[in-house]
Amino acid sequence: MKKGIHPENYRLVAFKDMSNDKVFITKSTVNTRETIEIDGVVYPLFKMEISSASHPFYTGKMKLVDTAGRVDKFMSRYGNRNQKK
């Protein structure tokens, strides 16, 4: 690997899936403002809308994850195009 091009501030960070409250802890350099305490240890917290724990491709469940009414907005715009008039 080339020297000097990779970040030096890797640390353990908690990633929280907001759709099902699953928490993953892994090393990352992501900037965070919040923290979370897990088993007596305080980790920086990064909140995600979707992860492998909630994405239909990984779970095998066809579940619509609606964020701020995007699915409803799409259905109102394009949902009735295939209906006969």
N, C-alpha and C. Protein backbone atom coordinates (compact mmCIF):
# COMPACT_ATOMS: atom_id res chain seq x y z
N MET A 1 0.83 -1.19 0.00
CA MET A 1 0.00 0.00 0.00
C MET A 1 0.87 1.24 0.00
N LYS A 2 0.37 2.28 -0.62
CA LYS A 2 1.10 3.54 -0.63
C LYS A 2 1.02 4.19 0.74
N LYS A 3 2.08 4.80 1.13
CA LYS A 3 2.13 5.47 2.43
C LYS A 3 1.55 6.87 2.30
N GLY A 4 0.86 7.33 3.35
CA GLY A 4 0.36 8.68 3.42
C GLY A 4 -0.97 8.95 2.74
N ILE A 5 -1.61 7.93 2.14
CA ILE A 5 -2.90 8.18 1.48
C ILE A 5 -4.08 7.62 2.27
N HIS A 6 -3.81 6.83 3.29
CA HIS A 6 -4.88 6.24 4.09
C HIS A 6 -5.06 7.00 5.39
N PRO A 7 -6.30 7.16 5.87
CA PRO A 7 -6.52 7.87 7.13
C PRO A 7 -5.90 7.14 8.31
N GLU A 8 -5.51 7.91 9.29
CA GLU A 8 -4.87 7.34 10.48
C GLU A 8 -5.82 7.23 11.67
N ASN A 9 -7.01 7.83 11.57
CA ASN A 9 -7.89 7.91 12.73
C ASN A 9 -8.97 6.82 12.75
N TYR A 10 -8.61 5.57 12.44
CA TYR A 10 -9.56 4.48 12.56
C TYR A 10 -9.87 4.23 14.03
N ARG A 11 -11.14 4.04 14.34
CA ARG A 11 -11.56 3.74 15.71
C ARG A 11 -12.83 2.93 15.63
N LEU A 12 -13.24 2.31 16.74
CA LEU A 12 -14.49 1.56 16.76
C LEU A 12 -15.66 2.53 16.77
N VAL A 13 -16.62 2.29 15.87
CA VAL A 13 -17.80 3.14 15.73
C VAL A 13 -19.03 2.24 15.72
N ALA A 14 -20.10 2.67 16.38
CA ALA A 14 -21.37 1.94 16.38
C ALA A 14 -22.24 2.50 15.26
N PHE A 15 -22.69 1.62 14.37
CA PHE A 15 -23.61 1.98 13.29
C PHE A 15 -24.98 1.45 13.67
N LYS A 16 -25.99 2.34 13.75
CA LYS A 16 -27.33 1.94 14.18
C LYS A 16 -28.30 2.05 13.02
N ASP A 17 -28.98 0.95 12.72
CA ASP A 17 -30.02 0.92 11.70
C ASP A 17 -31.30 1.45 12.34
N MET A 18 -31.78 2.59 11.87
CA MET A 18 -32.92 3.25 12.50
C MET A 18 -34.24 2.55 12.20
N SER A 19 -34.31 1.69 11.18
CA SER A 19 -35.57 1.03 10.87
C SER A 19 -35.84 -0.17 11.77
N ASN A 20 -34.81 -0.78 12.36
CA ASN A 20 -35.04 -1.92 13.25
C ASN A 20 -34.15 -1.90 14.50
N ASP A 21 -33.44 -0.82 14.75
CA ASP A 21 -32.62 -0.60 15.95
C ASP A 21 -31.48 -1.60 16.13
N LYS A 22 -31.03 -2.25 15.05
CA LYS A 22 -29.85 -3.11 15.14
C LYS A 22 -28.60 -2.23 15.21
N VAL A 23 -27.61 -2.66 15.98
CA VAL A 23 -26.37 -1.89 16.13
C VAL A 23 -25.20 -2.78 15.73
N PHE A 24 -24.33 -2.25 14.86
CA PHE A 24 -23.12 -2.94 14.45
C PHE A 24 -21.93 -2.11 14.91
N ILE A 25 -20.91 -2.77 15.41
CA ILE A 25 -19.70 -2.07 15.83
C ILE A 25 -18.57 -2.53 14.93
N THR A 26 -17.91 -1.56 14.29
CA THR A 26 -16.81 -1.86 13.40
C THR A 26 -15.87 -0.66 13.36
N LYS A 27 -14.69 -0.86 12.82
CA LYS A 27 -13.74 0.25 12.72
C LYS A 27 -14.11 1.15 11.56
N SER A 28 -13.99 2.45 11.77
CA SER A 28 -14.34 3.43 10.75
C SER A 28 -13.67 4.76 11.05
N THR A 29 -13.66 5.63 10.04
CA THR A 29 -13.16 7.00 10.21
C THR A 29 -14.28 8.01 10.09
N VAL A 30 -15.53 7.57 10.06
CA VAL A 30 -16.66 8.46 9.86
C VAL A 30 -16.76 9.48 11.00
N ASN A 31 -17.11 10.73 10.65
CA ASN A 31 -17.28 11.77 11.65
C ASN A 31 -18.66 11.65 12.27
N THR A 32 -18.74 11.72 13.60
CA THR A 32 -20.01 11.59 14.30
C THR A 32 -20.12 12.68 15.36
N ARG A 33 -21.36 12.98 15.72
CA ARG A 33 -21.62 13.95 16.78
C ARG A 33 -22.22 13.29 18.02
N GLU A 34 -22.81 12.13 17.84
CA GLU A 34 -23.49 11.45 18.95
C GLU A 34 -22.66 10.26 19.43
N THR A 35 -22.98 9.81 20.63
CA THR A 35 -22.34 8.62 21.19
C THR A 35 -23.41 7.69 21.72
N ILE A 36 -23.02 6.43 21.92
CA ILE A 36 -23.92 5.43 22.48
C ILE A 36 -23.10 4.55 23.42
N GLU A 37 -23.71 4.12 24.51
CA GLU A 37 -23.04 3.24 25.45
C GLU A 37 -23.54 1.82 25.27
N ILE A 38 -22.60 0.91 25.00
CA ILE A 38 -22.93 -0.50 24.82
C ILE A 38 -22.02 -1.31 25.73
N ASP A 39 -22.61 -2.06 26.64
CA ASP A 39 -21.87 -2.89 27.60
C ASP A 39 -20.84 -2.09 28.38
N GLY A 40 -21.19 -0.88 28.75
CA GLY A 40 -20.31 -0.05 29.56
C GLY A 40 -19.23 0.69 28.81
N VAL A 41 -19.20 0.55 27.48
CA VAL A 41 -18.21 1.23 26.65
C VAL A 41 -18.93 2.26 25.78
N VAL A 42 -18.39 3.47 25.71
CA VAL A 42 -18.99 4.54 24.92
C VAL A 42 -18.35 4.55 23.54
N TYR A 43 -19.20 4.47 22.50
CA TYR A 43 -18.76 4.47 21.11
C TYR A 43 -19.34 5.68 20.39
N PRO A 44 -18.66 6.21 19.39
CA PRO A 44 -19.28 7.21 18.51
C PRO A 44 -20.42 6.52 17.76
N LEU A 45 -21.52 7.25 17.52
CA LEU A 45 -22.72 6.66 16.90
C LEU A 45 -22.97 7.27 15.54
N PHE A 46 -23.18 6.40 14.53
CA PHE A 46 -23.57 6.82 13.20
C PHE A 46 -24.91 6.17 12.89
N LYS A 47 -25.94 6.99 12.59
CA LYS A 47 -27.28 6.47 12.34
C LYS A 47 -27.49 6.28 10.84
N MET A 48 -28.04 5.11 10.48
CA MET A 48 -28.31 4.77 9.08
C MET A 48 -29.81 4.52 8.90
N GLU A 49 -30.32 4.80 7.72
CA GLU A 49 -31.73 4.52 7.44
C GLU A 49 -31.94 3.06 7.09
N ILE A 50 -30.97 2.43 6.45
CA ILE A 50 -31.11 1.04 6.02
C ILE A 50 -29.75 0.36 6.06
N SER A 51 -29.75 -0.92 6.39
CA SER A 51 -28.50 -1.69 6.42
C SER A 51 -28.82 -3.11 5.97
N SER A 52 -27.85 -4.00 6.08
CA SER A 52 -28.08 -5.38 5.68
C SER A 52 -29.10 -6.06 6.58
N ALA A 53 -29.34 -5.53 7.77
CA ALA A 53 -30.32 -6.11 8.69
C ALA A 53 -31.76 -5.77 8.30
N SER A 54 -31.94 -4.73 7.46
CA SER A 54 -33.30 -4.35 7.08
C SER A 54 -33.54 -4.29 5.58
N HIS A 55 -32.50 -4.42 4.77
CA HIS A 55 -32.66 -4.34 3.32
C HIS A 55 -33.30 -5.63 2.79
N PRO A 56 -34.31 -5.52 1.93
CA PRO A 56 -35.00 -6.72 1.43
C PRO A 56 -34.08 -7.71 0.70
N PHE A 57 -33.05 -7.24 0.05
CA PHE A 57 -32.14 -8.15 -0.66
C PHE A 57 -31.45 -9.10 0.31
N TYR A 58 -31.04 -8.60 1.47
CA TYR A 58 -30.32 -9.42 2.44
C TYR A 58 -31.25 -10.20 3.36
N THR A 59 -32.43 -9.67 3.65
CA THR A 59 -33.34 -10.36 4.57
C THR A 59 -34.23 -11.36 3.87
N GLY A 60 -34.45 -11.21 2.56
CA GLY A 60 -35.32 -12.11 1.83
C GLY A 60 -36.79 -11.76 1.97
N LYS A 61 -37.09 -10.69 2.67
CA LYS A 61 -38.47 -10.26 2.87
C LYS A 61 -38.72 -9.04 1.98
N MET A 62 -39.81 -9.07 1.28
CA MET A 62 -40.18 -7.93 0.44
C MET A 62 -40.95 -6.94 1.30
N LYS A 63 -40.22 -6.05 1.92
CA LYS A 63 -40.79 -5.05 2.82
C LYS A 63 -40.42 -3.68 2.29
N LEU A 64 -41.41 -2.79 2.18
CA LEU A 64 -41.12 -1.44 1.75
C LEU A 64 -40.67 -0.62 2.94
N VAL A 65 -39.52 -0.01 2.81
CA VAL A 65 -39.01 0.88 3.85
C VAL A 65 -39.33 2.29 3.39
N ASP A 66 -40.32 2.90 4.02
CA ASP A 66 -40.77 4.23 3.61
C ASP A 66 -40.06 5.28 4.45
N THR A 67 -39.34 6.14 3.79
CA THR A 67 -38.64 7.21 4.46
C THR A 67 -39.25 8.53 4.01
N ALA A 68 -39.91 9.20 4.91
CA ALA A 68 -40.50 10.52 4.66
C ALA A 68 -41.53 10.49 3.54
N GLY A 69 -42.30 9.39 3.43
CA GLY A 69 -43.39 9.33 2.47
C GLY A 69 -42.98 9.18 1.02
N ARG A 70 -41.77 8.72 0.75
CA ARG A 70 -41.30 8.62 -0.63
C ARG A 70 -42.08 7.58 -1.43
N VAL A 71 -42.44 6.47 -0.79
CA VAL A 71 -43.19 5.44 -1.49
C VAL A 71 -44.58 5.97 -1.84
N ASP A 72 -45.24 6.65 -0.91
CA ASP A 72 -46.57 7.21 -1.19
C ASP A 72 -46.51 8.24 -2.30
N LYS A 73 -45.48 9.05 -2.30
CA LYS A 73 -45.33 10.07 -3.33
C LYS A 73 -45.14 9.42 -4.70
N PHE A 74 -44.34 8.36 -4.75
CA PHE A 74 -44.13 7.64 -6.00
C PHE A 74 -45.43 6.99 -6.48
N MET A 75 -46.15 6.34 -5.58
CA MET A 75 -47.39 5.67 -5.96
C MET A 75 -48.44 6.66 -6.43
N SER A 76 -48.52 7.82 -5.83
CA SER A 76 -49.50 8.80 -6.27
C SER A 76 -49.14 9.36 -7.65
N ARG A 77 -47.86 9.40 -7.94
CA ARG A 77 -47.42 9.93 -9.22
C ARG A 77 -47.49 8.90 -10.35
N TYR A 78 -47.00 7.68 -10.07
CA TYR A 78 -46.84 6.68 -11.12
C TYR A 78 -47.62 5.39 -10.88
N GLY A 79 -48.27 5.23 -9.75
CA GLY A 79 -48.90 3.96 -9.39
C GLY A 79 -50.07 3.55 -10.25
N ASN A 80 -50.81 4.48 -10.82
CA ASN A 80 -52.02 4.12 -11.55
C ASN A 80 -51.83 4.19 -13.07
N ARG A 81 -50.64 4.16 -13.57
CA ARG A 81 -50.38 4.25 -15.01
C ARG A 81 -50.80 2.99 -15.77
N ASN A 82 -50.77 1.83 -15.14
CA ASN A 82 -51.08 0.58 -15.84
C ASN A 82 -52.55 0.22 -15.76
N GLN A 83 -53.34 0.99 -15.08
CA GLN A 83 -54.77 0.72 -14.98
C GLN A 83 -55.47 1.12 -16.27
N LYS A 84 -56.50 0.33 -16.66
CA LYS A 84 -57.26 0.65 -17.87
C LYS A 84 -58.20 1.80 -17.59
N LYS A 85 -58.35 2.63 -18.59
CA LYS A 85 -59.22 3.80 -18.46
C LYS A 85 -60.62 3.52 -18.96
